[in-house]
Amino acid sequence: MQQRLTAISEPNRFRIVELLRDGPRSVGEIVDALGLGQPQVSRHLRLLAEAGVVEVSRRAQQRIYRLHPESLRELSDWVQRFAVLWSERMDRLGSFLEEDDRSPDETNQQGD
């Protein structure tokens, strides 16, 4: 999983993943969309494929890339565990702040 995170953390590879979210694309289509050279795009695609983020197939002379859904599901599950943790912490912070907001009023009422 670390290899996948490292692969998609590079901005151009992240952009490729975003492009492929809408469906499979050829190398040429990705080159045109990103405005990068074909060798750069091919290198990024090779790294994404090695990390298991994308899959490649051939259509005549073209290489067609698509997202590998299982690898993204694993990343999503991993991120979701952190989302639950942060949600719990934010709930506790909200409760603490609500208590803190009530405390001065309660103190003033007790002093009357």
C-alpha atoms as a PDB file:
ATOM      1  CA  MET A   1       0.000   0.000   0.000  1.00  0.00           C
ATOM      2  CA  GLN A   2       2.867   2.386   0.699  1.00  0.00           C
ATOM      3  CA  GLN A   3       4.022   1.968  -2.900  1.00  0.00           C
ATOM      4  CA  ARG A   4       0.540   2.979  -4.090  1.00  0.00           C
ATOM      5  CA  LEU A   5       0.470   6.054  -1.880  1.00  0.00           C
ATOM      6  CA  THR A   6       3.921   7.064  -3.056  1.00  0.00           C
ATOM      7  CA  ALA A   7       2.903   6.526  -6.671  1.00  0.00           C
ATOM      8  CA  ILE A   8      -0.190   8.713  -6.546  1.00  0.00           C
ATOM      9  CA  SER A   9       1.405  11.398  -4.372  1.00  0.00           C
ATOM     10  CA  GLU A  10       3.386  12.768  -7.325  1.00  0.00           C
ATOM     11  CA  PRO A  11       1.269  15.558  -8.902  1.00  0.00           C
ATOM     12  CA  ASN A  12       1.378  14.324 -12.516  1.00  0.00           C
ATOM     13  CA  ARG A  13       0.558  10.766 -11.513  1.00  0.00           C
ATOM     14  CA  PHE A  14      -2.295  12.094  -9.385  1.00  0.00           C
ATOM     15  CA  ARG A  15      -3.577  13.944 -12.474  1.00  0.00           C
ATOM     16  CA  ILE A  16      -3.374  10.708 -14.479  1.00  0.00           C
ATOM     17  CA  VAL A  17      -5.447   8.904 -11.837  1.00  0.00           C
ATOM     18  CA  GLU A  18      -7.972  11.737 -12.005  1.00  0.00           C
ATOM     19  CA  LEU A  19      -8.151  11.417 -15.801  1.00  0.00           C
ATOM     20  CA  LEU A  20      -8.633   7.660 -15.625  1.00  0.00           C
ATOM     21  CA  ARG A  21     -11.447   8.081 -13.131  1.00  0.00           C
ATOM     22  CA  ASP A  22     -13.662   8.950 -16.093  1.00  0.00           C
ATOM     23  CA  GLY A  23     -12.678   5.788 -17.964  1.00  0.00           C
ATOM     24  CA  PRO A  24      -9.843   4.081 -19.833  1.00  0.00           C
ATOM     25  CA  ARG A  25      -7.552   6.189 -21.989  1.00  0.00           C
ATOM     26  CA  SER A  26      -4.731   5.635 -24.410  1.00  0.00           C
ATOM     27  CA  VAL A  27      -1.260   6.983 -23.770  1.00  0.00           C
ATOM     28  CA  GLY A  28      -1.836   9.550 -26.529  1.00  0.00           C
ATOM     29  CA  GLU A  29      -5.020  10.815 -24.889  1.00  0.00           C
ATOM     30  CA  ILE A  30      -3.224  11.173 -21.562  1.00  0.00           C
ATOM     31  CA  VAL A  31      -0.315  12.993 -23.223  1.00  0.00           C
ATOM     32  CA  ASP A  32      -2.764  15.441 -24.841  1.00  0.00           C
ATOM     33  CA  ALA A  33      -4.710  16.005 -21.629  1.00  0.00           C
ATOM     34  CA  LEU A  34      -1.630  16.622 -19.478  1.00  0.00           C
ATOM     35  CA  GLY A  35       0.457  18.534 -21.977  1.00  0.00           C
ATOM     36  CA  LEU A  36       3.523  16.464 -21.100  1.00  0.00           C
ATOM     37  CA  GLY A  37       5.842  14.564 -23.386  1.00  0.00           C
ATOM     38  CA  GLN A  38       5.067  10.961 -24.242  1.00  0.00           C
ATOM     39  CA  PRO A  39       8.231   9.624 -22.520  1.00  0.00           C
ATOM     40  CA  GLN A  40       7.265  11.395 -19.268  1.00  0.00           C
ATOM     41  CA  VAL A  41       3.709  10.095 -19.378  1.00  0.00           C
ATOM     42  CA  SER A  42       4.879   6.564 -20.178  1.00  0.00           C
ATOM     43  CA  ARG A  43       7.251   6.656 -17.209  1.00  0.00           C
ATOM     44  CA  HIS A  44       4.462   7.830 -14.885  1.00  0.00           C
ATOM     45  CA  LEU A  45       2.140   5.140 -16.221  1.00  0.00           C
ATOM     46  CA  ARG A  46       4.797   2.467 -15.746  1.00  0.00           C
ATOM     47  CA  LEU A  47       5.228   3.506 -12.097  1.00  0.00           C
ATOM     48  CA  LEU A  48       1.464   3.518 -11.549  1.00  0.00           C
ATOM     49  CA  ALA A  49       1.226   0.056 -13.112  1.00  0.00           C
ATOM     50  CA  GLU A  50       4.082  -1.280 -10.965  1.00  0.00           C
ATOM     51  CA  ALA A  51       2.253   0.035  -7.889  1.00  0.00           C
ATOM     52  CA  GLY A  52      -0.932  -1.724  -9.015  1.00  0.00           C
ATOM     53  CA  VAL A  53      -2.915   1.504  -9.414  1.00  0.00           C
ATOM     54  CA  VAL A  54      -3.536   1.068 -13.144  1.00  0.00           C
ATOM     55  CA  GLU A  55      -3.877  -1.831 -15.561  1.00  0.00           C
ATOM     56  CA  VAL A  56      -2.784  -1.818 -19.172  1.00  0.00           C
ATOM     57  CA  SER A  57      -4.161  -3.611 -22.201  1.00  0.00           C
ATOM     58  CA  ARG A  58      -3.363  -3.447 -25.890  1.00  0.00           C
ATOM     59  CA  ARG A  59      -5.697  -2.385 -28.668  1.00  0.00           C
ATOM     60  CA  ALA A  60      -3.787  -2.809 -31.921  1.00  0.00           C
ATOM     61  CA  GLN A  61      -0.758  -0.507 -31.520  1.00  0.00           C
ATOM     62  CA  GLN A  62      -2.206   1.429 -28.578  1.00  0.00           C
ATOM     63  CA  ARG A  63      -1.777   0.811 -24.903  1.00  0.00           C
ATOM     64  CA  ILE A  64      -4.963   1.507 -22.989  1.00  0.00           C
ATOM     65  CA  TYR A  65      -4.763   2.314 -19.280  1.00  0.00           C
ATOM     66  CA  ARG A  66      -7.536   1.981 -16.736  1.00  0.00           C
ATOM     67  CA  LEU A  67      -7.705   2.224 -12.977  1.00  0.00           C
ATOM     68  CA  HIS A  68      -7.328  -0.979 -11.000  1.00  0.00           C
ATOM     69  CA  PRO A  69     -10.384  -0.723  -8.726  1.00  0.00           C
ATOM     70  CA  GLU A  70      -9.225  -3.194  -6.077  1.00  0.00           C
ATOM     71  CA  SER A  71      -6.067  -1.227  -5.300  1.00  0.00           C
ATOM     72  CA  LEU A  72      -8.104   1.955  -4.940  1.00  0.00           C
ATOM     73  CA  ARG A  73     -10.598   0.180  -2.702  1.00  0.00           C
ATOM     74  CA  GLU A  74      -7.734  -0.817  -0.395  1.00  0.00           C
ATOM     75  CA  LEU A  75      -6.567   2.806  -0.252  1.00  0.00           C
ATOM     76  CA  SER A  76     -10.107   3.971   0.402  1.00  0.00           C
ATOM     77  CA  ASP A  77     -10.522   1.489   3.265  1.00  0.00           C
ATOM     78  CA  TRP A  78      -7.226   2.640   4.769  1.00  0.00           C
ATOM     79  CA  VAL A  79      -8.190   6.328   4.537  1.00  0.00           C
ATOM     80  CA  GLN A  80     -11.645   5.562   5.951  1.00  0.00           C
ATOM     81  CA  ARG A  81     -10.099   4.227   9.158  1.00  0.00           C
ATOM     82  CA  PHE A  82      -8.499   7.626   9.660  1.00  0.00           C
ATOM     83  CA  ALA A  83     -11.722   9.416   8.812  1.00  0.00           C
ATOM     84  CA  VAL A  84     -13.485   7.519  11.615  1.00  0.00           C
ATOM     85  CA  LEU A  85     -10.682   8.423  14.010  1.00  0.00           C
ATOM     86  CA  TRP A  86     -10.843  12.109  13.076  1.00  0.00           C
ATOM     87  CA  SER A  87     -14.631  12.116  13.293  1.00  0.00           C
ATOM     88  CA  GLU A  88     -14.466  10.762  16.838  1.00  0.00           C
ATOM     89  CA  ARG A  89     -11.867  13.354  17.789  1.00  0.00           C
ATOM     90  CA  MET A  90     -13.905  16.184  16.276  1.00  0.00           C
ATOM     91  CA  ASP A  91     -16.980  14.974  18.185  1.00  0.00           C
ATOM     92  CA  ARG A  92     -14.982  15.036  21.424  1.00  0.00           C
ATOM     93  CA  LEU A  93     -13.657  18.513  20.603  1.00  0.00           C
ATOM     94  CA  GLY A  94     -17.208  19.701  19.910  1.00  0.00           C
ATOM     95  CA  SER A  95     -18.387  18.323  23.262  1.00  0.00           C
ATOM     96  CA  PHE A  96     -15.464  19.956  25.040  1.00  0.00           C
ATOM     97  CA  LEU A  97     -16.167  23.325  23.412  1.00  0.00           C
ATOM     98  CA  GLU A  98     -19.868  23.097  24.280  1.00  0.00           C
ATOM     99  CA  GLU A  99     -18.970  22.400  27.913  1.00  0.00           C
ATOM    100  CA  ASP A 100     -16.475  25.254  27.888  1.00  0.00           C
ATOM    101  CA  ASP A 101     -19.124  27.649  26.513  1.00  0.00           C
ATOM    102  CA  ARG A 102     -21.549  26.661  29.278  1.00  0.00           C
ATOM    103  CA  SER A 103     -19.030  26.913  32.101  1.00  0.00           C
ATOM    104  CA  PRO A 104     -18.906  30.742  32.460  1.00  0.00           C
ATOM    105  CA  ASP A 105     -22.714  31.004  32.644  1.00  0.00           C
ATOM    106  CA  GLU A 106     -22.910  28.258  35.230  1.00  0.00           C
ATOM    107  CA  THR A 107     -20.173  29.956  37.259  1.00  0.00           C
ATOM    108  CA  ASN A 108     -22.012  33.306  37.159  1.00  0.00           C
ATOM    109  CA  GLN A 109     -25.274  31.697  38.252  1.00  0.00           C
ATOM    110  CA  GLN A 110     -23.594  29.993  41.189  1.00  0.00           C
ATOM    111  CA  GLY A 111     -22.029  33.298  42.337  1.00  0.00           C
ATOM    112  CA  ASP A 112     -25.382  35.174  42.396  1.00  0.00           C
END
